[in-house]
């Protein structure tokens, strides 16, 4: 409900976002200093415009963007990695991999 209403400054939402970040983004709590340092230097205005308020609410420009139909135009050798804790599922990644020529896929 908080997300639907766009109340991203709500303390409950911020607490939930922090918890999810510790589970999915860093997989560590407390956050490592390198993560805190990078967050401190990130441009929040640009991040929010592109991504949305956090990693878990795609509400920015990316919410309206789909480059799937353009992937076949990538001609450079491409390395696609996929790890055990990625949020993109293997079937989702396969859709991308099938369209990029000269792609090497590494699943860790």
Protein backbone atom coordinates (compact mmCIF):
# COMPACT_ATOMS: atom_id res chain seq x y z
CA UNK A 1 0.00 0.00 0.00
CA UNK A 2 2.79 2.43 0.89
CA UNK A 3 4.49 1.76 -2.45
CA UNK A 4 1.23 2.06 -4.43
CA UNK A 5 0.55 5.40 -2.79
CA UNK A 6 4.10 6.58 -3.49
CA UNK A 7 4.88 7.23 0.18
CA UNK A 8 8.55 6.35 -0.15
CA UNK A 9 9.52 8.65 2.74
CA UNK A 10 7.30 6.68 5.14
CA UNK A 11 9.47 5.25 7.97
CA UNK A 12 7.87 1.81 7.48
CA UNK A 13 8.84 1.81 3.80
CA UNK A 14 12.40 2.96 4.56
CA UNK A 15 12.77 0.23 7.17
CA UNK A 16 11.48 -2.41 4.75
CA UNK A 17 13.75 -1.16 1.97
CA UNK A 18 16.76 -1.30 4.31
CA UNK A 19 15.88 -4.85 5.33
CA UNK A 20 15.48 -5.96 1.72
CA UNK A 21 18.79 -4.31 0.81
CA UNK A 22 20.55 -6.24 3.54
CA UNK A 23 19.02 -9.46 2.20
CA UNK A 24 19.42 -8.91 -1.57
CA UNK A 25 21.73 -6.02 -2.40
CA UNK A 26 24.63 -6.53 0.01
CA UNK A 27 23.58 -9.79 1.74
CA UNK A 28 25.25 -8.32 4.83
CA UNK A 29 24.06 -6.52 7.93
CA UNK A 30 25.31 -4.21 9.11
CA UNK A 31 26.21 -2.80 5.73
CA UNK A 32 29.91 -2.90 4.83
CA UNK A 33 31.66 0.45 4.81
CA UNK A 34 32.31 0.31 1.05
CA UNK A 35 28.54 0.09 0.46
CA UNK A 36 27.85 3.00 2.81
CA UNK A 37 30.58 5.06 1.13
CA UNK A 38 29.16 4.45 -2.34
CA UNK A 39 25.61 5.30 -1.23
CA UNK A 40 26.88 8.52 0.31
CA UNK A 41 28.38 9.59 -3.03
CA UNK A 42 25.51 8.54 -5.28
CA UNK A 43 23.42 11.29 -6.88
CA UNK A 44 19.96 10.61 -5.43
CA UNK A 45 18.21 12.88 -7.93
CA UNK A 46 19.59 10.99 -10.93
CA UNK A 47 19.14 7.58 -9.29
CA UNK A 48 15.50 8.29 -8.48
CA UNK A 49 14.83 9.67 -11.97
CA UNK A 50 16.24 6.54 -13.62
CA UNK A 51 15.48 3.71 -11.14
CA UNK A 52 12.91 5.01 -8.70
CA UNK A 53 13.21 5.42 -4.94
CA UNK A 54 15.23 2.23 -4.36
CA UNK A 55 16.24 -1.14 -5.83
CA UNK A 56 12.83 -2.63 -5.16
CA UNK A 57 10.50 -0.05 -6.70
CA UNK A 58 11.17 0.52 -10.36
CA UNK A 59 9.28 3.74 -10.85
CA UNK A 60 11.69 5.90 -12.82
CA UNK A 61 12.51 5.99 -16.52
CA UNK A 62 13.44 2.28 -16.37
CA UNK A 63 9.84 1.37 -15.58
CA UNK A 64 8.90 2.50 -19.09
CA UNK A 65 12.01 1.17 -20.86
CA UNK A 66 12.40 -2.13 -22.69
CA UNK A 67 15.43 -2.70 -24.90
CA UNK A 68 14.74 -6.39 -25.51
CA UNK A 69 13.99 -5.82 -29.18
CA UNK A 70 17.30 -3.99 -29.63
CA UNK A 71 19.59 -6.60 -28.08
CA UNK A 72 20.36 -8.27 -31.41
CA UNK A 73 22.18 -5.06 -32.42
CA UNK A 74 24.91 -5.62 -29.82
CA UNK A 75 27.93 -6.73 -31.84
CA UNK A 76 30.72 -6.46 -29.27
CA UNK A 77 31.81 -9.60 -27.47
CA UNK A 78 29.57 -9.71 -24.40
CA UNK A 79 29.93 -11.45 -21.07
CA UNK A 80 26.69 -12.12 -19.22
CA UNK A 81 27.03 -13.30 -15.63
CA UNK A 82 24.36 -14.76 -13.42
CA UNK A 83 24.81 -15.63 -9.77
CA UNK A 84 22.89 -17.67 -7.27
CA UNK A 85 21.45 -14.58 -5.59
CA UNK A 86 20.53 -12.55 -8.69
CA UNK A 87 17.02 -11.18 -8.78
CA UNK A 88 16.77 -11.88 -12.52
CA UNK A 89 15.62 -15.45 -13.01
CA UNK A 90 17.39 -17.87 -15.37
CA UNK A 91 14.44 -17.85 -17.83
CA UNK A 92 14.51 -14.04 -17.91
CA UNK A 93 18.23 -14.09 -18.54
CA UNK A 94 17.84 -16.73 -21.25
CA UNK A 95 15.52 -14.41 -23.18
CA UNK A 96 18.29 -11.82 -23.20
CA UNK A 97 21.06 -14.32 -23.96
CA UNK A 98 19.20 -15.72 -26.96
CA UNK A 99 19.22 -12.34 -28.65
CA UNK A 100 22.82 -11.18 -28.25
CA UNK A 101 25.24 -12.56 -30.83
CA UNK A 102 28.79 -13.23 -29.66
CA UNK A 103 27.66 -13.71 -26.06
CA UNK A 104 29.44 -15.80 -23.46
CA UNK A 105 27.32 -16.71 -20.47
CA UNK A 106 28.76 -17.47 -17.06
CA UNK A 107 26.48 -18.87 -14.37
CA UNK A 108 28.11 -18.90 -10.94
